Amino acid sequence: MNTTYVPSAAALQPKWYVIDAKGQRLGRLASKVARILRGKDKPIYTPYLDTGDYVIVVNAKDVEVTGKKRTQKLYRRHSGRPGGMKVETFAQLNARLPERIIEEAVKGMLPKNRLGRALFTKLRVYAGPDHPHHAQQPQEIRLEEA
C-alpha cells in the first residue's frame, strides 16, 4: 500500500532567519536563501507544498560579485510600452536599489509557478543592517565566507 506523505499542519510552522550579506558572493548567497525558502533542508520537504521558512537578508548593499560583473552584468526591465526597455549595470542598480539585486537572484532560483510566487513573498531584503522583524525573533544564520 503506497501512500503519499503529506506533512501535518503542526509540522509546517515556519521559522524566521536572518542572513548577513556583507562580504558574501551573490550567487552562493542566493542559492542558500532559495533552499531555505523552499524548505529543502527540512526532513518534511514536499515538492508541491510550501514547507520553507522566512528569510531576512540584511546589508544587501555590501554583496560581492567576482570578475568584471560590477561593470558588465546588466539588469533589464521593460515597461510594456514600445521602446520601454531600461538597462542598468550591477553598480548602477546597487547604488539605486541594492535590494533588487538579491531579490532577482533568488527569484530566478525558485519555481516558475504559483508556488514560486508564494515562496518569494517570504523573502525580506534590506540595504542596511536594520530590519523591522524583531518581534518574530529571527535566528541568525552564518554562511561560510568565500
Protein backbone atom coordinates (compact mmCIF):
# COMPACT_ATOMS: atom_id res chain seq x y z
CA MET A 1 0.00 0.00 0.00
CA ASN A 2 1.70 3.18 -1.20
CA THR A 3 0.58 6.45 0.32
CA THR A 4 1.80 9.94 -0.41
CA TYR A 5 3.48 11.64 2.53
CA VAL A 6 1.83 14.91 3.50
CA PRO A 7 3.27 16.79 6.49
CA SER A 8 0.83 17.74 9.23
CA ALA A 9 -0.17 21.34 9.89
CA ALA A 10 1.82 21.29 13.14
CA ALA A 11 4.98 20.39 11.22
CA LEU A 12 4.50 23.31 8.80
CA GLN A 13 5.25 26.06 11.35
CA PRO A 14 7.73 28.35 9.56
CA LYS A 15 10.71 29.91 11.35
CA TRP A 16 12.41 33.22 10.67
CA TYR A 17 16.10 33.51 9.80
CA VAL A 18 18.46 36.49 9.35
CA ILE A 19 21.34 36.30 6.89
CA ASP A 20 24.04 38.98 6.66
CA ALA A 21 25.02 39.55 3.01
CA LYS A 22 28.12 41.61 3.85
CA GLY A 23 31.12 40.10 2.05
CA GLN A 24 29.06 37.23 0.53
CA ARG A 25 29.12 36.25 -3.13
CA LEU A 26 25.80 36.95 -4.81
CA GLY A 27 25.14 33.56 -6.41
CA ARG A 28 26.16 31.47 -3.42
CA LEU A 29 24.08 33.62 -1.10
CA ALA A 30 21.05 33.44 -3.40
CA SER A 31 21.21 29.65 -3.73
CA LYS A 32 21.33 29.18 0.06
CA VAL A 33 18.44 31.61 0.56
CA ALA A 34 16.40 29.80 -2.12
CA ARG A 35 17.00 26.43 -0.39
CA ILE A 36 15.74 27.83 2.93
CA LEU A 37 12.70 29.46 1.29
CA ARG A 38 11.86 26.18 -0.46
CA GLY A 39 12.40 24.10 2.69
CA LYS A 40 14.81 21.66 1.06
CA ASP A 41 16.93 21.36 4.21
CA LYS A 42 13.99 20.03 6.25
CA PRO A 43 13.05 16.37 6.62
CA ILE A 44 9.40 17.25 5.88
CA TYR A 45 10.24 18.72 2.44
CA THR A 46 7.47 18.10 -0.06
CA PRO A 47 7.95 19.39 -3.63
CA TYR A 48 4.39 20.61 -4.12
CA LEU A 49 3.93 22.31 -0.70
CA ASP A 50 5.31 25.44 0.91
CA THR A 51 7.46 23.86 3.64
CA GLY A 52 10.02 26.68 3.76
CA ASP A 53 10.88 29.39 6.25
CA TYR A 54 11.02 33.18 6.18
CA VAL A 55 14.39 34.78 5.34
CA ILE A 56 15.56 38.30 6.15
CA VAL A 57 18.67 39.44 4.26
CA VAL A 58 20.46 42.49 5.68
CA ASN A 59 23.37 44.54 4.31
CA ALA A 60 22.32 43.91 0.71
CA LYS A 61 24.40 46.86 -0.49
CA ASP A 62 27.60 45.05 0.57
CA VAL A 63 27.10 41.89 -1.51
CA GLU A 64 30.08 40.99 -3.72
CA VAL A 65 30.48 39.76 -7.28
CA THR A 66 33.61 38.42 -8.93
CA GLY A 67 35.42 39.42 -12.09
CA LYS A 68 34.06 42.30 -14.15
CA LYS A 69 30.44 41.72 -13.18
CA ARG A 70 30.26 45.02 -11.30
CA THR A 71 30.53 46.90 -14.62
CA GLN A 72 29.42 44.29 -17.19
CA LYS A 73 26.47 42.48 -15.58
CA LEU A 74 23.24 44.00 -16.88
CA TYR A 75 19.78 44.16 -15.32
CA ARG A 76 16.92 44.70 -17.74
CA ARG A 77 13.32 45.66 -17.16
CA HIS A 78 10.56 46.62 -19.55
CA SER A 79 7.61 48.94 -19.02
CA GLY A 80 5.48 47.08 -21.56
CA ARG A 81 5.37 50.09 -23.88
CA PRO A 82 7.18 50.30 -27.22
CA GLY A 83 10.77 51.36 -26.56
CA GLY A 84 10.29 50.82 -22.82
CA MET A 85 13.44 48.74 -22.19
CA LYS A 86 15.59 50.04 -19.33
CA VAL A 87 19.09 48.64 -18.81
CA GLU A 88 21.34 49.16 -15.77
CA THR A 89 24.69 47.72 -14.74
CA PHE A 90 25.24 46.00 -11.39
CA ALA A 91 27.00 49.09 -9.99
CA GLN A 92 24.18 51.45 -11.05
CA LEU A 93 21.45 49.22 -9.61
CA ASN A 94 23.45 48.66 -6.41
CA ALA A 95 23.67 52.43 -5.93
CA ARG A 96 19.94 52.92 -6.62
CA LEU A 97 18.14 49.80 -5.25
CA PRO A 98 20.56 47.24 -3.74
CA GLU A 99 17.65 45.08 -2.52
CA ARG A 100 16.54 44.30 -6.07
CA ILE A 101 19.84 42.56 -6.92
CA ILE A 102 19.35 39.86 -4.29
CA GLU A 103 15.61 39.64 -4.97
CA GLU A 104 16.17 38.95 -8.68
CA ALA A 105 18.91 36.40 -8.00
CA VAL A 106 16.73 34.46 -5.54
CA LYS A 107 13.60 34.74 -7.68
CA GLY A 108 15.45 33.13 -10.59
CA MET A 109 16.22 30.10 -8.40
CA LEU A 110 12.62 29.47 -7.32
CA PRO A 111 9.98 27.54 -9.30
CA LYS A 112 8.27 29.46 -12.08
CA ASN A 113 4.68 28.84 -10.94
CA ARG A 114 2.24 29.90 -8.22
CA LEU A 115 4.25 28.04 -5.57
CA GLY A 116 7.38 30.01 -6.52
CA ARG A 117 5.46 33.28 -6.31
CA ALA A 118 4.17 32.32 -2.84
CA LEU A 119 7.68 31.37 -1.69
CA PHE A 120 9.07 34.69 -2.93
CA THR A 121 6.74 36.60 -0.57
CA LYS A 122 8.63 35.04 2.37
CA LEU A 123 11.84 36.90 1.44
CA ARG A 124 12.66 40.27 3.00
CA VAL A 125 15.75 42.17 1.82
CA TYR A 126 17.15 45.34 3.41
CA ALA A 127 20.06 47.50 2.19
CA GLY A 128 21.37 48.27 5.68
CA PRO A 129 21.90 46.31 8.90
CA ASP A 130 18.48 47.12 10.42
CA HIS A 131 15.16 45.33 9.90
CA PRO A 132 11.69 45.70 11.48
CA HIS A 133 11.11 41.98 12.17
CA HIS A 134 12.47 41.71 15.72
CA ALA A 135 9.06 40.58 17.03
CA GLN A 136 9.39 37.34 15.03
CA GLN A 137 12.60 36.52 16.96
CA PRO A 138 14.63 35.50 13.89
CA GLN A 139 17.64 33.22 14.26
CA GLU A 140 20.89 34.34 12.67
CA ILE A 141 22.42 32.02 10.10
CA ARG A 142 26.14 32.31 9.45
CA LEU A 143 27.18 31.46 5.92
CA GLU A 144 30.80 30.50 5.43
CA GLU A 145 32.77 33.28 3.78
CA ALA A 146 34.26 32.64 0.36
